[in-house]
Amino acid sequence: MYEEEVVLCGASSYTKSFYLNEEFDGLPQAVKDELKILCVLHTEDVGGVLTLVFDQDGNLSFRTECEEGDLLYDEIGAVLKIKQYQREKAELMESLETYFKIVFLGEE
C-alpha cells in the first residue's frame, strides 16, 4: 500500500508544460489525451498549476495553486472549474480511481 500521495498528472501555466506520471503509461491513450486536455485547458483558462493526485486510499483529488504574487491567477475560476470537472468527468474520475485501486493498491 502507498504511504504517500501519488501524482497522476498535472500542468503548469508558468512552464507551459504537462506531466503524466510514467507509472500510468498503461492507461489507454484516449484517457491520457483527455487528462492532458483537461489539465492544459485549465491552466490556460485560470493560470497557476493543476495537479491530479491519488491519496493512499485511492481517492483522486484536484489541486490547484499559484506562485506567490501571481495577479493573473483566477482563484475563484479555478475552484469553479474543478467543481465543473467533478460533475462532467465523474465517470472518468471513478474509472481512474478503480484503476489505481486495482493496479497500485492490489484491491479486487
PDB file of N, CA and C in Angstrom:
ATOM      1  N   MET A   1       0.848  -1.183   0.000  1.00  0.00           N
ATOM      2  CA  MET A   1       0.000   0.000   0.000  1.00  0.00           C
ATOM      3  C   MET A   1       0.892   1.245   0.000  1.00  0.00           C
ATOM      4  N   TYR A   2       0.442   2.273  -0.675  1.00  0.00           N
ATOM      5  CA  TYR A   2       1.210   3.503  -0.763  1.00  0.00           C
ATOM      6  C   TYR A   2       1.041   4.294   0.522  1.00  0.00           C
ATOM      7  N   GLU A   3       2.141   4.790   1.047  1.00  0.00           N
ATOM      8  CA  GLU A   3       2.131   5.569   2.279  1.00  0.00           C
ATOM      9  C   GLU A   3       1.874   7.044   2.002  1.00  0.00           C
ATOM     10  N   GLU A   4       2.189   7.465   0.796  1.00  0.00           N
ATOM     11  CA  GLU A   4       2.056   8.869   0.449  1.00  0.00           C
ATOM     12  C   GLU A   4       1.134   9.026  -0.745  1.00  0.00           C
ATOM     13  N   GLU A   5       0.890  10.255  -1.096  1.00  0.00           N
ATOM     14  CA  GLU A   5       0.076  10.540  -2.264  1.00  0.00           C
ATOM     15  C   GLU A   5       0.860  10.211  -3.531  1.00  0.00           C
ATOM     16  N   VAL A   6       0.113   9.926  -4.594  1.00  0.00           N
ATOM     17  CA  VAL A   6       0.720   9.635  -5.889  1.00  0.00           C
ATOM     18  C   VAL A   6       0.139  10.612  -6.905  1.00  0.00           C
ATOM     19  N   VAL A   7       1.009  11.345  -7.569  1.00  0.00           N
ATOM     20  CA  VAL A   7       0.580  12.297  -8.591  1.00  0.00           C
ATOM     21  C   VAL A   7       0.254  11.525  -9.859  1.00  0.00           C
ATOM     22  N   LEU A   8      -0.937  11.755 -10.388  1.00  0.00           N
ATOM     23  CA  LEU A   8      -1.333  11.167 -11.669  1.00  0.00           C
ATOM     24  C   LEU A   8      -0.798  12.028 -12.804  1.00  0.00           C
ATOM     25  N   CYS A   9      -1.141  13.318 -12.773  1.00  0.00           N
ATOM     26  CA  CYS A   9      -0.722  14.221 -13.836  1.00  0.00           C
ATOM     27  C   CYS A   9      -0.860  15.661 -13.367  1.00  0.00           C
ATOM     28  N   GLY A  10      -0.386  16.567 -14.187  1.00  0.00           N
ATOM     29  CA  GLY A  10      -0.501  17.976 -13.857  1.00  0.00           C
ATOM     30  C   GLY A  10      -0.063  18.846 -15.018  1.00  0.00           C
ATOM     31  N   ALA A  11      -0.379  20.121 -14.895  1.00  0.00           N
ATOM     32  CA  ALA A  11       0.026  21.094 -15.908  1.00  0.00           C
ATOM     33  C   ALA A  11       0.343  22.413 -15.210  1.00  0.00           C
ATOM     34  N   SER A  12       1.212  23.174 -15.841  1.00  0.00           N
ATOM     35  CA  SER A  12       1.626  24.458 -15.293  1.00  0.00           C
ATOM     36  C   SER A  12       1.523  25.542 -16.352  1.00  0.00           C
ATOM     37  N   SER A  13       0.903  26.653 -15.971  1.00  0.00           N
ATOM     38  CA  SER A  13       0.843  27.788 -16.892  1.00  0.00           C
ATOM     39  C   SER A  13       2.178  28.527 -16.911  1.00  0.00           C
ATOM     40  N   TYR A  14       3.003  28.311 -15.894  1.00  0.00           N
ATOM     41  CA  TYR A  14       4.292  29.002 -15.799  1.00  0.00           C
ATOM     42  C   TYR A  14       5.318  28.397 -16.750  1.00  0.00           C
ATOM     43  N   THR A  15       5.363  27.083 -16.805  1.00  0.00           N
ATOM     44  CA  THR A  15       6.346  26.419 -17.667  1.00  0.00           C
ATOM     45  C   THR A  15       5.727  25.953 -18.988  1.00  0.00           C
ATOM     46  N   LYS A  16       4.414  26.157 -19.121  1.00  0.00           N
ATOM     47  CA  LYS A  16       3.682  25.716 -20.318  1.00  0.00           C
ATOM     48  C   LYS A  16       3.944  24.234 -20.579  1.00  0.00           C
ATOM     49  N   SER A  17       3.793  23.441 -19.528  1.00  0.00           N
ATOM     50  CA  SER A  17       4.089  22.023 -19.660  1.00  0.00           C
ATOM     51  C   SER A  17       3.009  21.158 -19.031  1.00  0.00           C
ATOM     52  N   PHE A  18       2.977  19.905 -19.483  1.00  0.00           N
ATOM     53  CA  PHE A  18       2.087  18.880 -18.954  1.00  0.00           C
ATOM     54  C   PHE A  18       2.943  17.720 -18.478  1.00  0.00           C
ATOM     55  N   TYR A  19       2.547  17.126 -17.365  1.00  0.00           N
ATOM     56  CA  TYR A  19       3.278  15.992 -16.809  1.00  0.00           C
ATOM     57  C   TYR A  19       2.306  14.843 -16.577  1.00  0.00           C
ATOM     58  N   LEU A  20       2.678  13.656 -17.040  1.00  0.00           N
ATOM     59  CA  LEU A  20       1.929  12.437 -16.746  1.00  0.00           C
ATOM     60  C   LEU A  20       2.908  11.487 -16.080  1.00  0.00           C
ATOM     61  N   ASN A  21       2.594  11.057 -14.877  1.00  0.00           N
ATOM     62  CA  ASN A  21       3.444  10.133 -14.136  1.00  0.00           C
ATOM     63  C   ASN A  21       3.666   8.888 -14.989  1.00  0.00           C
ATOM     64  N   GLU A  22       4.928   8.519 -15.201  1.00  0.00           N
ATOM     65  CA  GLU A  22       5.247   7.382 -16.067  1.00  0.00           C
ATOM     66  C   GLU A  22       4.688   6.063 -15.546  1.00  0.00           C
ATOM     67  N   GLU A  23       4.330   6.001 -14.279  1.00  0.00           N
ATOM     68  CA  GLU A  23       3.722   4.791 -13.733  1.00  0.00           C
ATOM     69  C   GLU A  23       2.330   4.538 -14.327  1.00  0.00           C
ATOM     70  N   PHE A  24       1.773   5.549 -14.985  1.00  0.00           N
ATOM     71  CA  PHE A  24       0.447   5.437 -15.570  1.00  0.00           C
ATOM     72  C   PHE A  24       0.490   5.296 -17.097  1.00  0.00           C
ATOM     73  N   ASP A  25       1.636   4.892 -17.635  1.00  0.00           N
ATOM     74  CA  ASP A  25       1.757   4.678 -19.075  1.00  0.00           C
ATOM     75  C   ASP A  25       0.789   3.603 -19.572  1.00  0.00           C
ATOM     76  N   GLY A  26       0.344   2.725 -18.679  1.00  0.00           N
ATOM     77  CA  GLY A  26      -0.576   1.654 -19.052  1.00  0.00           C
ATOM     78  C   GLY A  26      -1.998   2.103 -19.316  1.00  0.00           C
ATOM     79  N   LEU A  27      -2.302   3.352 -19.021  1.00  0.00           N
ATOM     80  CA  LEU A  27      -3.648   3.868 -19.306  1.00  0.00           C
ATOM     81  C   LEU A  27      -3.865   3.939 -20.813  1.00  0.00           C
ATOM     82  N   PRO A  28      -5.094   3.756 -21.259  1.00  0.00           N
ATOM     83  CA  PRO A  28      -5.380   3.905 -22.693  1.00  0.00           C
ATOM     84  C   PRO A  28      -5.012   5.313 -23.182  1.00  0.00           C
ATOM     85  N   GLN A  29      -4.568   5.394 -24.427  1.00  0.00           N
ATOM     86  CA  GLN A  29      -4.145   6.682 -24.987  1.00  0.00           C
ATOM     87  C   GLN A  29      -5.265   7.719 -24.937  1.00  0.00           C
ATOM     88  N   ALA A  30      -6.500   7.306 -25.155  1.00  0.00           N
ATOM     89  CA  ALA A  30      -7.634   8.245 -25.117  1.00  0.00           C
ATOM     90  C   ALA A  30      -7.771   8.874 -23.733  1.00  0.00           C
ATOM     91  N   VAL A  31      -7.537   8.097 -22.683  1.00  0.00           N
ATOM     92  CA  VAL A  31      -7.617   8.619 -21.314  1.00  0.00           C
ATOM     93  C   VAL A  31      -6.472   9.593 -21.064  1.00  0.00           C
ATOM     94  N   LYS A  32      -5.272   9.243 -21.499  1.00  0.00           N
ATOM     95  CA  LYS A  32      -4.124  10.130 -21.336  1.00  0.00           C
ATOM     96  C   LYS A  32      -4.346  11.447 -22.084  1.00  0.00           C
ATOM     97  N   ASP A  33      -4.919  11.358 -23.280  1.00  0.00           N
ATOM     98  CA  ASP A  33      -5.208  12.566 -24.057  1.00  0.00           C
ATOM     99  C   ASP A  33      -6.245  13.431 -23.350  1.00  0.00           C
ATOM    100  N   GLU A  34      -7.273  12.801 -22.802  1.00  0.00           N
ATOM    101  CA  GLU A  34      -8.320  13.555 -22.107  1.00  0.00           C
ATOM    102  C   GLU A  34      -7.764  14.254 -20.864  1.00  0.00           C
ATOM    103  N   LEU A  35      -6.886  13.573 -20.140  1.00  0.00           N
ATOM    104  CA  LEU A  35      -6.259  14.190 -18.968  1.00  0.00           C
ATOM    105  C   LEU A  35      -5.398  15.384 -19.374  1.00  0.00           C
ATOM    106  N   LYS A  36      -4.667  15.226 -20.467  1.00  0.00           N
ATOM    107  CA  LYS A  36      -3.814  16.319 -20.935  1.00  0.00           C
ATOM    108  C   LYS A  36      -4.650  17.533 -21.326  1.00  0.00           C
ATOM    109  N   ILE A  37      -5.710  17.291 -22.071  1.00  0.00           N
ATOM    110  CA  ILE A  37      -6.587  18.395 -22.488  1.00  0.00           C
ATOM    111  C   ILE A  37      -7.180  19.090 -21.274  1.00  0.00           C
ATOM    112  N   LEU A  38      -7.686  18.325 -20.331  1.00  0.00           N
ATOM    113  CA  LEU A  38      -8.299  18.885 -19.124  1.00  0.00           C
ATOM    114  C   LEU A  38      -7.302  19.766 -18.369  1.00  0.00           C
ATOM    115  N   CYS A  39      -6.119  19.235 -18.116  1.00  0.00           N
ATOM    116  CA  CYS A  39      -5.122  19.967 -17.328  1.00  0.00           C
ATOM    117  C   CYS A  39      -4.614  21.220 -18.037  1.00  0.00           C
ATOM    118  N   VAL A  40      -4.291  21.077 -19.311  1.00  0.00           N
ATOM    119  CA  VAL A  40      -3.736  22.208 -20.051  1.00  0.00           C
ATOM    120  C   VAL A  40      -4.774  23.312 -20.234  1.00  0.00           C
ATOM    121  N   LEU A  41      -5.999  22.947 -20.584  1.00  0.00           N
ATOM    122  CA  LEU A  41      -7.040  23.974 -20.735  1.00  0.00           C
ATOM    123  C   LEU A  41      -7.310  24.683 -19.415  1.00  0.00           C
ATOM    124  N   HIS A  42      -7.272  23.929 -18.312  1.00  0.00           N
ATOM    125  CA  HIS A  42      -7.494  24.539 -17.005  1.00  0.00           C
ATOM    126  C   HIS A  42      -6.444  25.611 -16.729  1.00  0.00           C
ATOM    127  N   THR A  43      -5.179  25.276 -16.922  1.00  0.00           N
ATOM    128  CA  THR A  43      -4.127  26.244 -16.618  1.00  0.00           C
ATOM    129  C   THR A  43      -4.107  27.405 -17.611  1.00  0.00           C
ATOM    130  N   GLU A  44      -4.551  27.160 -18.840  1.00  0.00           N
ATOM    131  CA  GLU A  44      -4.642  28.259 -19.802  1.00  0.00           C
ATOM    132  C   GLU A  44      -5.780  29.212 -19.425  1.00  0.00           C
ATOM    133  N   ASP A  45      -6.869  28.663 -18.896  1.00  0.00           N
ATOM    134  CA  ASP A  45      -8.027  29.485 -18.529  1.00  0.00           C
ATOM    135  C   ASP A  45      -7.810  30.287 -17.256  1.00  0.00           C
ATOM    136  N   VAL A  46      -7.289  29.658 -16.215  1.00  0.00           N
ATOM    137  CA  VAL A  46      -7.225  30.320 -14.908  1.00  0.00           C
ATOM    138  C   VAL A  46      -5.803  30.572 -14.417  1.00  0.00           C
ATOM    139  N   GLY A  47      -4.813  29.975 -15.076  1.00  0.00           N
ATOM    140  CA  GLY A  47      -3.425  30.159 -14.666  1.00  0.00           C
ATOM    141  C   GLY A  47      -3.017  29.172 -13.585  1.00  0.00           C
ATOM    142  N   GLY A  48      -1.833  29.362 -13.079  1.00  0.00           N
ATOM    143  CA  GLY A  48      -1.341  28.528 -11.990  1.00  0.00           C
ATOM    144  C   GLY A  48      -0.973  27.125 -12.405  1.00  0.00           C
ATOM    145  N   VAL A  49      -1.102  26.214 -11.442  1.00  0.00           N
ATOM    146  CA  VAL A  49      -0.741  24.815 -11.624  1.00  0.00           C
ATOM    147  C   VAL A  49      -1.928  23.961 -11.198  1.00  0.00           C
ATOM    148  N   LEU A  50      -2.233  22.947 -11.995  1.00  0.00           N
ATOM    149  CA  LEU A  50      -3.267  21.978 -11.637  1.00  0.00           C
ATOM    150  C   LEU A  50      -2.609  20.614 -11.546  1.00  0.00           C
ATOM    151  N   THR A  51      -2.896  19.891 -10.455  1.00  0.00           N
ATOM    152  CA  THR A  51      -2.354  18.556 -10.254  1.00  0.00           C
ATOM    153  C   THR A  51      -3.481  17.623  -9.845  1.00  0.00           C
ATOM    154  N   LEU A  52      -3.517  16.428 -10.431  1.00  0.00           N
ATOM    155  CA  LEU A  52      -4.457  15.385 -10.031  1.00  0.00           C
ATOM    156  C   LEU A  52      -3.681  14.378  -9.198  1.00  0.00           C
ATOM    157  N   VAL A  53      -4.159  14.116  -7.978  1.00  0.00           N
ATOM    158  CA  VAL A  53      -3.406  13.345  -7.003  1.00  0.00           C
ATOM    159  C   VAL A  53      -4.289  12.261  -6.384  1.00  0.00           C
ATOM    160  N   PHE A  54      -3.719  11.046  -6.260  1.00  0.00           N
ATOM    161  CA  PHE A  54      -4.375   9.969  -5.530  1.00  0.00           C
ATOM    162  C   PHE A  54      -3.877   9.975  -4.093  1.00  0.00           C
ATOM    163  N   ASP A  55      -4.802   9.842  -3.122  1.00  0.00           N
ATOM    164  CA  ASP A  55      -4.364   9.679  -1.737  1.00  0.00           C
ATOM    165  C   ASP A  55      -4.078   8.202  -1.487  1.00  0.00           C
ATOM    166  N   GLN A  56      -3.658   7.847  -0.296  1.00  0.00           N
ATOM    167  CA  GLN A  56      -3.274   6.463  -0.009  1.00  0.00           C
ATOM    168  C   GLN A  56      -4.439   5.488  -0.068  1.00  0.00           C
ATOM    169  N   ASP A  57      -5.682   5.992  -0.061  1.00  0.00           N
ATOM    170  CA  ASP A  57      -6.854   5.128  -0.175  1.00  0.00           C
ATOM    171  C   ASP A  57      -7.347   4.999  -1.619  1.00  0.00           C
ATOM    172  N   GLY A  58      -6.710   5.714  -2.545  1.00  0.00           N
ATOM    173  CA  GLY A  58      -7.083   5.639  -3.949  1.00  0.00           C
ATOM    174  C   GLY A  58      -8.088   6.673  -4.392  1.00  0.00           C
ATOM    175  N   ASN A  59      -8.357   7.677  -3.557  1.00  0.00           N
ATOM    176  CA  ASN A  59      -9.275   8.752  -3.927  1.00  0.00           C
ATOM    177  C   ASN A  59      -8.521   9.803  -4.738  1.00  0.00           C
ATOM    178  N   LEU A  60      -9.122  10.225  -5.837  1.00  0.00           N
ATOM    179  CA  LEU A  60      -8.495  11.186  -6.735  1.00  0.00           C
ATOM    180  C   LEU A  60      -8.986  12.589  -6.405  1.00  0.00           C
ATOM    181  N   SER A  61      -8.051  13.517  -6.275  1.00  0.00           N
ATOM    182  CA  SER A  61      -8.441  14.898  -6.000  1.00  0.00           C
ATOM    183  C   SER A  61      -7.698  15.850  -6.927  1.00  0.00           C
ATOM    184  N   PHE A  62      -8.282  17.013  -7.112  1.00  0.00           N
ATOM    185  CA  PHE A  62      -7.703  18.084  -7.915  1.00  0.00           C
ATOM    186  C   PHE A  62      -7.028  19.063  -6.967  1.00  0.00           C
ATOM    187  N   ARG A  63      -5.835  19.489  -7.330  1.00  0.00           N
ATOM    188  CA  ARG A  63      -5.125  20.501  -6.545  1.00  0.00           C
ATOM    189  C   ARG A  63      -4.756  21.636  -7.480  1.00  0.00           C
ATOM    190  N   THR A  64      -5.027  22.837  -7.026  1.00  0.00           N
ATOM    191  CA  THR A  64      -4.645  23.998  -7.818  1.00  0.00           C
ATOM    192  C   THR A  64      -3.902  24.970  -6.926  1.00  0.00           C
ATOM    193  N   GLU A  65      -2.891  25.582  -7.490  1.00  0.00           N
ATOM    194  CA  GLU A  65      -2.081  26.531  -6.732  1.00  0.00           C
ATOM    195  C   GLU A  65      -1.438  27.518  -7.694  1.00  0.00           C
ATOM    196  N   CYS A  66      -0.880  28.567  -7.116  1.00  0.00           N
ATOM    197  CA  CYS A  66      -0.191  29.556  -7.941  1.00  0.00           C
ATOM    198  C   CYS A  66       1.054  30.038  -7.216  1.00  0.00           C
ATOM    199  N   GLU A  67       1.910  30.664  -7.974  1.00  0.00           N
ATOM    200  CA  GLU A  67       3.101  31.261  -7.382  1.00  0.00           C
ATOM    201  C   GLU A  67       2.692  32.508  -6.612  1.00  0.00           C
ATOM    202  N   GLU A  68       3.436  32.790  -5.567  1.00  0.00           N
ATOM    203  CA  GLU A  68       3.154  33.970  -4.754  1.00  0.00           C
ATOM    204  C   GLU A  68       3.256  35.229  -5.611  1.00  0.00           C
ATOM    205  N   GLY A  69       2.252  36.075  -5.480  1.00  0.00           N
ATOM    206  CA  GLY A  69       2.247  37.335  -6.210  1.00  0.00           C
ATOM    207  C   GLY A  69       1.721  37.242  -7.631  1.00  0.00           C
ATOM    208  N   ASP A  70       1.173  36.103  -8.016  1.00  0.00           N
ATOM    209  CA  ASP A  70       0.634  35.936  -9.367  1.00  0.00           C
ATOM    210  C   ASP A  70      -0.734  36.609  -9.433  1.00  0.00           C
ATOM    211  N   LEU A  71      -0.773  37.795  -9.977  1.00  0.00           N
ATOM    212  CA  LEU A  71      -2.019  38.568 -10.040  1.00  0.00           C
ATOM    213  C   LEU A  71      -2.947  38.086 -11.149  1.00  0.00           C
ATOM    214  N   LEU A  72      -2.441  37.282 -12.068  1.00  0.00           N
ATOM    215  CA  LEU A  72      -3.269  36.792 -13.169  1.00  0.00           C
ATOM    216  C   LEU A  72      -4.013  35.504 -12.826  1.00  0.00           C
ATOM    217  N   TYR A  73      -3.655  34.862 -11.725  1.00  0.00           N
ATOM    218  CA  TYR A  73      -4.297  33.615 -11.312  1.00  0.00           C
ATOM    219  C   TYR A  73      -5.722  33.910 -10.841  1.00  0.00           C
ATOM    220  N   ASP A  74      -6.669  33.149 -11.376  1.00  0.00           N
ATOM    221  CA  ASP A  74      -8.091  33.313 -11.046  1.00  0.00           C
ATOM    222  C   ASP A  74      -8.497  32.226 -10.050  1.00  0.00           C
ATOM    223  N   GLU A  75      -8.368  32.522  -8.761  1.00  0.00           N
ATOM    224  CA  GLU A  75      -8.638  31.529  -7.724  1.00  0.00           C
ATOM    225  C   GLU A  75     -10.096  31.076  -7.722  1.00  0.00           C
ATOM    226  N   ILE A  76     -11.007  32.001  -7.863  1.00  0.00           N
ATOM    227  CA  ILE A  76     -12.433  31.651  -7.881  1.00  0.00           C
ATOM    228  C   ILE A  76     -12.747  30.822  -9.122  1.00  0.00           C
ATOM    229  N   GLY A  77     -12.223  31.230 -10.270  1.00  0.00           N
ATOM    230  CA  GLY A  77     -12.424  30.475 -11.503  1.00  0.00           C
ATOM    231  C   GLY A  77     -11.859  29.072 -11.412  1.00  0.00           C
ATOM    232  N   ALA A  78     -10.719  28.927 -10.742  1.00  0.00           N
ATOM    233  CA  ALA A  78     -10.098  27.611 -10.592  1.00  0.00           C
ATOM    234  C   ALA A  78     -11.006  26.677  -9.797  1.00  0.00           C
ATOM    235  N   VAL A  79     -11.547  27.160  -8.703  1.00  0.00           N
ATOM    236  CA  VAL A  79     -12.438  26.341  -7.869  1.00  0.00           C
ATOM    237  C   VAL A  79     -13.705  25.974  -8.642  1.00  0.00           C
ATOM    238  N   LEU A  80     -14.256  26.930  -9.357  1.00  0.00           N
ATOM    239  CA  LEU A  80     -15.474  26.662 -10.138  1.00  0.00           C
ATOM    240  C   LEU A  80     -15.214  25.636 -11.236  1.00  0.00           C
ATOM    241  N   LYS A  81     -14.074  25.752 -11.909  1.00  0.00           N
ATOM    242  CA  LYS A  81     -13.739  24.787 -12.968  1.00  0.00           C
ATOM    243  C   LYS A  81     -13.551  23.387 -12.387  1.00  0.00           C
ATOM    244  N   ILE A  82     -12.918  23.275 -11.237  1.00  0.00           N
ATOM    245  CA  ILE A  82     -12.729  21.963 -10.617  1.00  0.00           C
ATOM    246  C   ILE A  82     -14.075  21.343 -10.275  1.00  0.00           C
ATOM    247  N   LYS A  83     -14.987  22.133  -9.763  1.00  0.00           N
ATOM    248  CA  LYS A  83     -16.337  21.614  -9.469  1.00  0.00           C
ATOM    249  C   LYS A  83     -17.022  21.152 -10.754  1.00  0.00           C
ATOM    250  N   GLN A  84     -16.822  21.898 -11.827  1.00  0.00           N
ATOM    251  CA  GLN A  84     -17.376  21.521 -13.129  1.00  0.00           C
ATOM    252  C   GLN A  84     -16.790  20.191 -13.599  1.00  0.00           C
ATOM    253  N   TYR A  85     -15.468  20.025 -13.481  1.00  0.00           N
ATOM    254  CA  TYR A  85     -14.827  18.768 -13.875  1.00  0.00           C
ATOM    255  C   TYR A  85     -15.360  17.600 -13.047  1.00  0.00           C
ATOM    256  N   GLN A  86     -15.545  17.823 -11.757  1.00  0.00           N
ATOM    257  CA  GLN A  86     -16.029  16.755 -10.885  1.00  0.00           C
ATOM    258  C   GLN A  86     -17.422  16.291 -11.307  1.00  0.00           C
ATOM    259  N   ARG A  87     -18.224  17.204 -11.825  1.00  0.00           N
ATOM    260  CA  ARG A  87     -19.559  16.839 -12.333  1.00  0.00           C
ATOM    261  C   ARG A  87     -19.464  16.185 -13.708  1.00  0.00           C
ATOM    262  N   GLU A  88     -18.811  16.864 -14.632  1.00  0.00           N
ATOM    263  CA  GLU A  88     -18.797  16.429 -16.027  1.00  0.00           C
ATOM    264  C   GLU A  88     -17.900  15.217 -16.277  1.00  0.00           C
ATOM    265  N   LYS A  89     -16.874  15.051 -15.495  1.00  0.00           N
ATOM    266  CA  LYS A  89     -15.905  13.962 -15.694  1.00  0.00           C
ATOM    267  C   LYS A  89     -15.993  12.922 -14.576  1.00  0.00           C
ATOM    268  N   ALA A  90     -17.142  12.832 -13.921  1.00  0.00           N
ATOM    269  CA  ALA A  90     -17.302  11.913 -12.786  1.00  0.00           C
ATOM    270  C   ALA A  90     -17.008  10.468 -13.184  1.00  0.00           C
ATOM    271  N   GLU A  91     -17.480  10.051 -14.342  1.00  0.00           N
ATOM    272  CA  GLU A  91     -17.264   8.670 -14.791  1.00  0.00           C
ATOM    273  C   GLU A  91     -15.773   8.398 -15.019  1.00  0.00           C
ATOM    274  N   LEU A  92     -15.074   9.339 -15.638  1.00  0.00           N
ATOM    275  CA  LEU A  92     -13.633   9.200 -15.855  1.00  0.00           C
ATOM    276  C   LEU A  92     -12.895   9.128 -14.523  1.00  0.00           C
ATOM    277  N   MET A  93     -13.246  10.000 -13.593  1.00  0.00           N
ATOM    278  CA  MET A  93     -12.577  10.024 -12.298  1.00  0.00           C
ATOM    279  C   MET A  93     -12.808   8.715 -11.530  1.00  0.00           C
ATOM    280  N   GLU A  94     -14.030   8.203 -11.574  1.00  0.00           N
ATOM    281  CA  GLU A  94     -14.328   6.929 -10.915  1.00  0.00           C
ATOM    282  C   GLU A  94     -13.532   5.793 -11.545  1.00  0.00           C
ATOM    283  N   SER A  95     -13.419   5.809 -12.865  1.00  0.00           N
ATOM    284  CA  SER A  95     -12.647   4.773 -13.558  1.00  0.00           C
ATOM    285  C   SER A  95     -11.168   4.843 -13.190  1.00  0.00           C
ATOM    286  N   LEU A  96     -10.637   6.050 -13.086  1.00  0.00           N
ATOM    287  CA  LEU A  96      -9.237   6.216 -12.700  1.00  0.00           C
ATOM    288  C   LEU A  96      -9.003   5.741 -11.270  1.00  0.00           C
ATOM    289  N   GLU A  97      -9.939   6.030 -10.385  1.00  0.00           N
ATOM    290  CA  GLU A  97      -9.823   5.563  -9.000  1.00  0.00           C
ATOM    291  C   GLU A  97      -9.847   4.036  -8.947  1.00  0.00           C
ATOM    292  N   THR A  98     -10.733   3.427  -9.725  1.00  0.00           N
ATOM    293  CA  THR A  98     -10.804   1.962  -9.771  1.00  0.00           C
ATOM    294  C   THR A  98      -9.506   1.391 -10.320  1.00  0.00           C
ATOM    295  N   TYR A  99      -8.987   1.965 -11.385  1.00  0.00           N
ATOM    296  CA  TYR A  99      -7.713   1.542 -11.969  1.00  0.00           C
ATOM    297  C   TYR A  99      -6.601   1.596 -10.921  1.00  0.00           C
ATOM    298  N   PHE A 100      -6.513   2.707 -10.213  1.00  0.00           N
ATOM    299  CA  PHE A 100      -5.468   2.880  -9.210  1.00  0.00           C
ATOM    300  C   PHE A 100      -5.604   1.839  -8.095  1.00  0.00           C
ATOM    301  N   LYS A 101      -6.824   1.629  -7.643  1.00  0.00           N
ATOM    302  CA  LYS A 101      -7.045   0.673  -6.546  1.00  0.00           C
ATOM    303  C   LYS A 101      -6.686  -0.751  -6.952  1.00  0.00           C
ATOM    304  N   ILE A 102      -6.969  -1.124  -8.193  1.00  0.00           N
ATOM    305  CA  ILE A 102      -6.665  -2.471  -8.648  1.00  0.00           C
ATOM    306  C   ILE A 102      -5.176  -2.639  -8.974  1.00  0.00           C
ATOM    307  N   VAL A 103      -4.634  -1.727  -9.780  1.00  0.00           N
ATOM    308  CA  VAL A 103      -3.257  -1.864 -10.259  1.00  0.00           C
ATOM    309  C   VAL A 103      -2.228  -1.523  -9.185  1.00  0.00           C
ATOM    310  N   PHE A 104      -2.456  -0.471  -8.423  1.00  0.00           N
ATOM    311  CA  PHE A 104      -1.451   0.012  -7.485  1.00  0.00           C
ATOM    312  C   PHE A 104      -1.677  -0.472  -6.055  1.00  0.00           C
ATOM    313  N   LEU A 105      -2.929  -0.574  -5.644  1.00  0.00           N
ATOM    314  CA  LEU A 105      -3.204  -0.980  -4.256  1.00  0.00           C
ATOM    315  C   LEU A 105      -3.511  -2.459  -4.138  1.00  0.00           C
ATOM    316  N   GLY A 106      -3.692  -3.139  -5.281  1.00  0.00           N
ATOM    317  CA  GLY A 106      -3.921  -4.582  -5.263  1.00  0.00           C
ATOM    318  C   GLY A 106      -5.299  -5.007  -4.784  1.00  0.00           C
ATOM    319  N   GLU A 107      -6.256  -4.095  -4.835  1.00  0.00           N
ATOM    320  CA  GLU A 107      -7.616  -4.445  -4.437  1.00  0.00           C
ATOM    321  C   GLU A 107      -8.287  -5.236  -5.551  1.00  0.00           C
ATOM    322  N   GLU A 108      -9.336  -5.954  -5.202  1.00  0.00           N
ATOM    323  CA  GLU A 108     -10.070  -6.728  -6.207  1.00  0.00           C
ATOM    324  C   GLU A 108     -11.415  -6.106  -6.495  1.00  0.00           C
TER     325      GLU A 108
END
